């Protein structure tokens, strides 16, 4: 019962952080993106709403990249390139962290 309440509270606070951070990210205050990242961490990567929002974002950016307006298409391509480079860095970082955890440990008899 308490676990369900804590989970619901985390999801609620996470989505408030995501929406509030998106609103703050267009203002001169630079903390909007930090609040969005905190909200994503609170909600969790397996949340259906978050996955749907990411799929919508990717579809919208790819549609804009094929736009006939050169400025819009160029900007969308730069966003795609930035997004893919960040995702590659995250995958590399998580791969090195998981490889370090999977490394075999010495047996107690060897010590």
N, C-alpha and C. Protein backbone atom coordinates (compact mmCIF):
# COMPACT_ATOMS: atom_id res chain seq x y z
N UNK A 1 0.82 -1.19 0.00
CA UNK A 1 0.00 0.00 0.00
C UNK A 1 0.87 1.26 0.00
N UNK A 2 1.85 1.32 0.90
CA UNK A 2 2.73 2.48 0.98
C UNK A 2 3.58 2.58 -0.28
N UNK A 3 4.01 1.44 -0.82
CA UNK A 3 4.80 1.43 -2.05
C UNK A 3 4.04 2.00 -3.23
N UNK A 4 2.75 1.70 -3.31
CA UNK A 4 1.92 2.24 -4.38
C UNK A 4 1.76 3.75 -4.26
N UNK A 5 1.62 4.22 -3.04
CA UNK A 5 1.48 5.66 -2.81
C UNK A 5 2.77 6.38 -3.18
N UNK A 6 3.91 5.80 -2.81
CA UNK A 6 5.21 6.40 -3.13
C UNK A 6 5.41 6.41 -4.65
N UNK A 7 5.05 5.33 -5.33
CA UNK A 7 5.19 5.27 -6.79
C UNK A 7 4.31 6.32 -7.46
N UNK A 8 3.06 6.44 -7.02
CA UNK A 8 2.16 7.44 -7.59
C UNK A 8 2.67 8.85 -7.33
N UNK A 9 3.22 9.08 -6.16
CA UNK A 9 3.78 10.39 -5.83
C UNK A 9 4.99 10.70 -6.71
N UNK A 10 5.88 9.70 -6.92
CA UNK A 10 7.04 9.90 -7.80
C UNK A 10 6.61 10.24 -9.22
N UNK A 11 5.62 9.52 -9.72
CA UNK A 11 5.16 9.77 -11.09
C UNK A 11 4.53 11.16 -11.20
N UNK A 12 3.73 11.53 -10.21
CA UNK A 12 3.08 12.85 -10.23
C UNK A 12 4.11 13.97 -10.17
N UNK A 13 5.04 13.86 -9.24
CA UNK A 13 6.07 14.89 -9.11
C UNK A 13 6.95 14.91 -10.36
N UNK A 14 7.25 13.74 -10.92
CA UNK A 14 8.06 13.66 -12.13
C UNK A 14 7.42 14.39 -13.30
N UNK A 15 6.12 14.14 -13.52
CA UNK A 15 5.44 14.82 -14.63
C UNK A 15 5.30 16.32 -14.38
N UNK A 16 5.13 16.72 -13.13
CA UNK A 16 5.10 18.16 -12.83
C UNK A 16 6.46 18.78 -13.15
N UNK A 17 7.54 18.07 -12.81
CA UNK A 17 8.88 18.58 -13.14
C UNK A 17 9.09 18.65 -14.65
N UNK A 18 8.62 17.65 -15.38
CA UNK A 18 8.80 17.66 -16.83
C UNK A 18 8.06 18.83 -17.46
N UNK A 19 6.81 19.00 -17.11
CA UNK A 19 6.02 20.10 -17.69
C UNK A 19 6.56 21.45 -17.24
N UNK A 20 6.86 21.58 -15.95
CA UNK A 20 7.41 22.85 -15.45
C UNK A 20 8.77 23.15 -16.05
N UNK A 21 9.59 22.14 -16.22
CA UNK A 21 10.91 22.35 -16.83
C UNK A 21 10.81 22.75 -18.29
N UNK A 22 9.84 22.16 -19.00
CA UNK A 22 9.65 22.57 -20.40
C UNK A 22 9.19 24.02 -20.50
N UNK A 23 8.35 24.43 -19.57
CA UNK A 23 7.92 25.83 -19.55
C UNK A 23 9.09 26.74 -19.21
N UNK A 24 9.91 26.35 -18.24
CA UNK A 24 11.06 27.17 -17.85
C UNK A 24 12.18 27.16 -18.89
N UNK A 25 12.24 26.13 -19.72
CA UNK A 25 13.34 26.05 -20.69
C UNK A 25 13.23 27.12 -21.77
N UNK A 26 12.05 27.67 -22.00
CA UNK A 26 11.93 28.74 -23.00
C UNK A 26 12.14 30.12 -22.39
N UNK A 27 12.24 30.18 -21.07
CA UNK A 27 12.50 31.45 -20.41
C UNK A 27 14.00 31.64 -20.25
N UNK A 28 14.43 32.83 -19.84
CA UNK A 28 15.87 33.06 -19.68
C UNK A 28 16.51 32.30 -18.53
N UNK A 29 15.70 31.66 -17.70
CA UNK A 29 16.24 30.90 -16.58
C UNK A 29 16.81 29.59 -17.12
N UNK A 30 18.08 29.29 -16.89
CA UNK A 30 18.71 28.12 -17.51
C UNK A 30 18.43 26.79 -16.81
N UNK A 31 17.63 26.76 -15.78
CA UNK A 31 17.43 25.55 -15.02
C UNK A 31 16.30 24.66 -15.54
N UNK A 32 15.66 25.04 -16.62
CA UNK A 32 14.54 24.27 -17.15
C UNK A 32 14.92 22.87 -17.56
N UNK A 33 16.05 22.73 -18.24
CA UNK A 33 16.47 21.41 -18.71
C UNK A 33 16.88 20.50 -17.55
N UNK A 34 17.45 21.08 -16.52
CA UNK A 34 17.81 20.29 -15.34
C UNK A 34 16.55 19.75 -14.67
N UNK A 35 15.52 20.56 -14.61
CA UNK A 35 14.26 20.13 -14.00
C UNK A 35 13.61 19.05 -14.87
N UNK A 36 13.70 19.18 -16.19
CA UNK A 36 13.15 18.15 -17.08
C UNK A 36 13.88 16.83 -16.87
N UNK A 37 15.18 16.86 -16.77
CA UNK A 37 15.96 15.63 -16.55
C UNK A 37 15.60 15.01 -15.20
N UNK A 38 15.44 15.83 -14.18
CA UNK A 38 15.03 15.30 -12.87
C UNK A 38 13.65 14.65 -12.96
N UNK A 39 12.75 15.26 -13.70
CA UNK A 39 11.42 14.67 -13.88
C UNK A 39 11.47 13.35 -14.62
N UNK A 40 12.31 13.27 -15.65
CA UNK A 40 12.44 12.02 -16.39
C UNK A 40 13.00 10.93 -15.49
N UNK A 41 13.96 11.27 -14.66
CA UNK A 41 14.53 10.29 -13.73
C UNK A 41 13.47 9.83 -12.73
N UNK A 42 12.65 10.75 -12.25
CA UNK A 42 11.60 10.37 -11.31
C UNK A 42 10.54 9.48 -11.94
N UNK A 43 10.14 9.81 -13.17
CA UNK A 43 9.10 9.04 -13.83
C UNK A 43 9.62 7.66 -14.23
N UNK A 44 10.83 7.62 -14.75
CA UNK A 44 11.43 6.35 -15.14
C UNK A 44 11.31 6.11 -16.63
N UNK A 45 12.29 5.41 -17.20
CA UNK A 45 12.32 5.22 -18.65
C UNK A 45 11.25 4.26 -19.17
N UNK A 46 10.62 3.49 -18.31
CA UNK A 46 9.65 2.50 -18.77
C UNK A 46 8.22 3.03 -18.74
N UNK A 47 8.04 4.29 -18.42
CA UNK A 47 6.71 4.87 -18.36
C UNK A 47 6.12 4.99 -19.75
N UNK A 48 4.89 4.57 -19.91
CA UNK A 48 4.24 4.57 -21.23
C UNK A 48 4.07 5.99 -21.77
N UNK A 49 3.70 6.93 -20.93
CA UNK A 49 3.53 8.31 -21.38
C UNK A 49 4.83 8.92 -21.86
N UNK A 50 5.91 8.63 -21.16
CA UNK A 50 7.22 9.14 -21.55
C UNK A 50 7.68 8.53 -22.88
N UNK A 51 7.46 7.22 -23.05
CA UNK A 51 7.82 6.58 -24.33
C UNK A 51 6.98 7.14 -25.47
N UNK A 52 5.70 7.40 -25.22
CA UNK A 52 4.83 7.98 -26.25
C UNK A 52 5.30 9.39 -26.61
N UNK A 53 5.66 10.18 -25.60
CA UNK A 53 6.15 11.54 -25.87
C UNK A 53 7.45 11.50 -26.67
N UNK A 54 8.33 10.57 -26.36
CA UNK A 54 9.59 10.45 -27.11
C UNK A 54 9.32 10.03 -28.56
N UNK A 55 8.40 9.09 -28.76
CA UNK A 55 8.07 8.66 -30.12
C UNK A 55 7.45 9.82 -30.91
N UNK A 56 6.59 10.60 -30.25
CA UNK A 56 5.99 11.75 -30.91
C UNK A 56 7.06 12.77 -31.29
N UNK A 57 8.00 13.01 -30.38
CA UNK A 57 9.09 13.96 -30.63
C UNK A 57 9.93 13.51 -31.83
N UNK A 58 10.32 12.24 -31.83
CA UNK A 58 11.14 11.73 -32.94
C UNK A 58 10.41 11.83 -34.27
N UNK A 59 9.14 11.50 -34.28
CA UNK A 59 8.35 11.59 -35.51
C UNK A 59 8.24 13.04 -35.98
N UNK A 60 8.01 13.97 -35.05
CA UNK A 60 7.87 15.38 -35.42
C UNK A 60 9.19 15.94 -35.96
N UNK A 61 10.30 15.59 -35.34
CA UNK A 61 11.60 16.10 -35.80
C UNK A 61 11.94 15.53 -37.17
N UNK A 62 11.67 14.25 -37.38
CA UNK A 62 11.95 13.65 -38.69
C UNK A 62 11.06 14.24 -39.78
N UNK A 63 9.84 14.58 -39.44
CA UNK A 63 8.95 15.23 -40.40
C UNK A 63 9.47 16.63 -40.73
N UNK A 64 9.91 17.36 -39.73
CA UNK A 64 10.45 18.69 -39.96
C UNK A 64 11.76 18.65 -40.75
N UNK A 65 12.53 17.57 -40.59
CA UNK A 65 13.79 17.46 -41.32
C UNK A 65 13.57 17.31 -42.81
N UNK A 66 12.40 16.82 -43.21
CA UNK A 66 12.09 16.69 -44.63
C UNK A 66 11.24 17.85 -45.13
N UNK A 67 11.20 18.93 -44.39
CA UNK A 67 10.42 20.11 -44.76
C UNK A 67 11.02 20.80 -45.99
N UNK A 68 10.17 21.52 -46.70
CA UNK A 68 10.64 22.25 -47.87
C UNK A 68 11.25 23.61 -47.50
N UNK A 69 11.08 24.03 -46.27
CA UNK A 69 11.68 25.27 -45.79
C UNK A 69 13.11 24.96 -45.34
N UNK A 70 14.11 25.53 -46.01
CA UNK A 70 15.50 25.16 -45.72
C UNK A 70 15.93 25.41 -44.27
N UNK A 71 15.49 26.52 -43.69
CA UNK A 71 15.88 26.83 -42.31
C UNK A 71 15.33 25.80 -41.34
N UNK A 72 14.07 25.45 -41.49
CA UNK A 72 13.42 24.48 -40.60
C UNK A 72 14.06 23.10 -40.77
N UNK A 73 14.29 22.70 -42.02
CA UNK A 73 14.89 21.39 -42.29
C UNK A 73 16.31 21.31 -41.73
N UNK A 74 17.08 22.36 -41.91
CA UNK A 74 18.45 22.37 -41.38
C UNK A 74 18.49 22.32 -39.87
N UNK A 75 17.61 23.09 -39.24
CA UNK A 75 17.54 23.08 -37.78
C UNK A 75 17.14 21.70 -37.26
N UNK A 76 16.16 21.08 -37.91
CA UNK A 76 15.72 19.75 -37.49
C UNK A 76 16.83 18.72 -37.68
N UNK A 77 17.60 18.83 -38.75
CA UNK A 77 18.71 17.90 -38.96
C UNK A 77 19.78 18.07 -37.89
N UNK A 78 20.03 19.31 -37.49
CA UNK A 78 21.00 19.55 -36.42
C UNK A 78 20.51 18.96 -35.09
N UNK A 79 19.23 19.09 -34.84
CA UNK A 79 18.66 18.51 -33.62
C UNK A 79 18.79 16.99 -33.66
N UNK A 80 18.52 16.38 -34.80
CA UNK A 80 18.66 14.92 -34.93
C UNK A 80 20.11 14.50 -34.72
N UNK A 81 21.05 15.23 -35.30
CA UNK A 81 22.46 14.89 -35.13
C UNK A 81 22.88 15.03 -33.66
N UNK A 82 22.44 16.09 -33.01
CA UNK A 82 22.76 16.29 -31.60
C UNK A 82 22.16 15.19 -30.74
N UNK A 83 20.91 14.86 -31.01
CA UNK A 83 20.22 13.82 -30.25
C UNK A 83 20.91 12.47 -30.43
N UNK A 84 21.30 12.14 -31.65
CA UNK A 84 21.95 10.84 -31.87
C UNK A 84 23.34 10.80 -31.22
N UNK A 85 24.07 11.92 -31.23
CA UNK A 85 25.39 11.93 -30.58
C UNK A 85 25.25 11.77 -29.07
N UNK A 86 24.25 12.40 -28.48
CA UNK A 86 24.01 12.25 -27.05
C UNK A 86 23.63 10.81 -26.72
N UNK A 87 22.76 10.21 -27.54
CA UNK A 87 22.35 8.82 -27.30
C UNK A 87 23.54 7.87 -27.43
N UNK A 88 24.43 8.12 -28.38
CA UNK A 88 25.62 7.28 -28.52
C UNK A 88 26.52 7.39 -27.30
N UNK A 89 26.68 8.61 -26.79
CA UNK A 89 27.51 8.80 -25.58
C UNK A 89 26.89 8.09 -24.38
N UNK A 90 25.58 8.16 -24.27
CA UNK A 90 24.91 7.49 -23.15
C UNK A 90 25.07 5.98 -23.27
N UNK A 91 24.92 5.44 -24.48
CA UNK A 91 25.09 4.00 -24.67
C UNK A 91 26.52 3.56 -24.35
N UNK A 92 27.50 4.36 -24.79
CA UNK A 92 28.89 4.03 -24.48
C UNK A 92 29.14 4.07 -22.97
N UNK A 93 28.61 5.09 -22.31
CA UNK A 93 28.81 5.24 -20.89
C UNK A 93 28.16 4.10 -20.12
N UNK A 94 26.91 3.75 -20.49
CA UNK A 94 26.24 2.65 -19.79
C UNK A 94 26.91 1.32 -20.09
N UNK A 95 27.47 1.14 -21.28
CA UNK A 95 28.15 -0.11 -21.61
C UNK A 95 29.40 -0.27 -20.77
N UNK A 96 30.14 0.81 -20.55
CA UNK A 96 31.35 0.69 -19.73
C UNK A 96 30.99 0.47 -18.27
N UNK A 97 29.91 1.06 -17.82
CA UNK A 97 29.50 0.87 -16.43
C UNK A 97 28.99 -0.55 -16.20
N UNK A 98 28.23 -1.09 -17.15
CA UNK A 98 27.71 -2.44 -16.96
C UNK A 98 28.83 -3.47 -17.10
N UNK A 99 29.83 -3.20 -17.96
CA UNK A 99 30.95 -4.12 -18.10
C UNK A 99 31.77 -4.17 -16.82
N UNK A 100 31.89 -3.05 -16.14
CA UNK A 100 32.63 -3.01 -14.89
C UNK A 100 31.89 -3.80 -13.79
N UNK A 101 30.58 -3.80 -13.83
CA UNK A 101 29.81 -4.52 -12.83
C UNK A 101 29.79 -6.02 -13.10
N UNK A 102 29.90 -6.41 -14.36
CA UNK A 102 29.81 -7.81 -14.73
C UNK A 102 31.15 -8.52 -14.57
N UNK A 103 32.22 -7.77 -14.39
CA UNK A 103 33.55 -8.37 -14.29
C UNK A 103 33.56 -9.42 -13.19
N UNK A 104 34.22 -10.53 -13.44
CA UNK A 104 34.21 -11.61 -12.45
C UNK A 104 34.93 -11.20 -11.17
N UNK A 105 34.39 -11.63 -10.08
CA UNK A 105 34.99 -11.32 -8.80
C UNK A 105 35.84 -12.49 -8.34
N UNK A 106 36.84 -12.17 -7.57
CA UNK A 106 37.72 -13.23 -7.07
C UNK A 106 37.00 -14.05 -6.01
N UNK A 107 37.24 -15.31 -6.04
CA UNK A 107 36.61 -16.19 -5.06
C UNK A 107 37.24 -15.97 -3.69
N UNK A 108 36.52 -16.30 -2.67
CA UNK A 108 37.01 -16.10 -1.31
C UNK A 108 38.24 -16.97 -1.03
N UNK A 109 38.35 -18.12 -1.69
CA UNK A 109 39.49 -19.01 -1.48
C UNK A 109 40.77 -18.41 -2.05
N UNK A 110 40.66 -17.58 -3.07
CA UNK A 110 41.84 -16.98 -3.70
C UNK A 110 42.44 -15.89 -2.84
N UNK A 111 41.64 -15.28 -2.00
CA UNK A 111 42.11 -14.17 -1.17
C UNK A 111 42.88 -14.71 -0.05
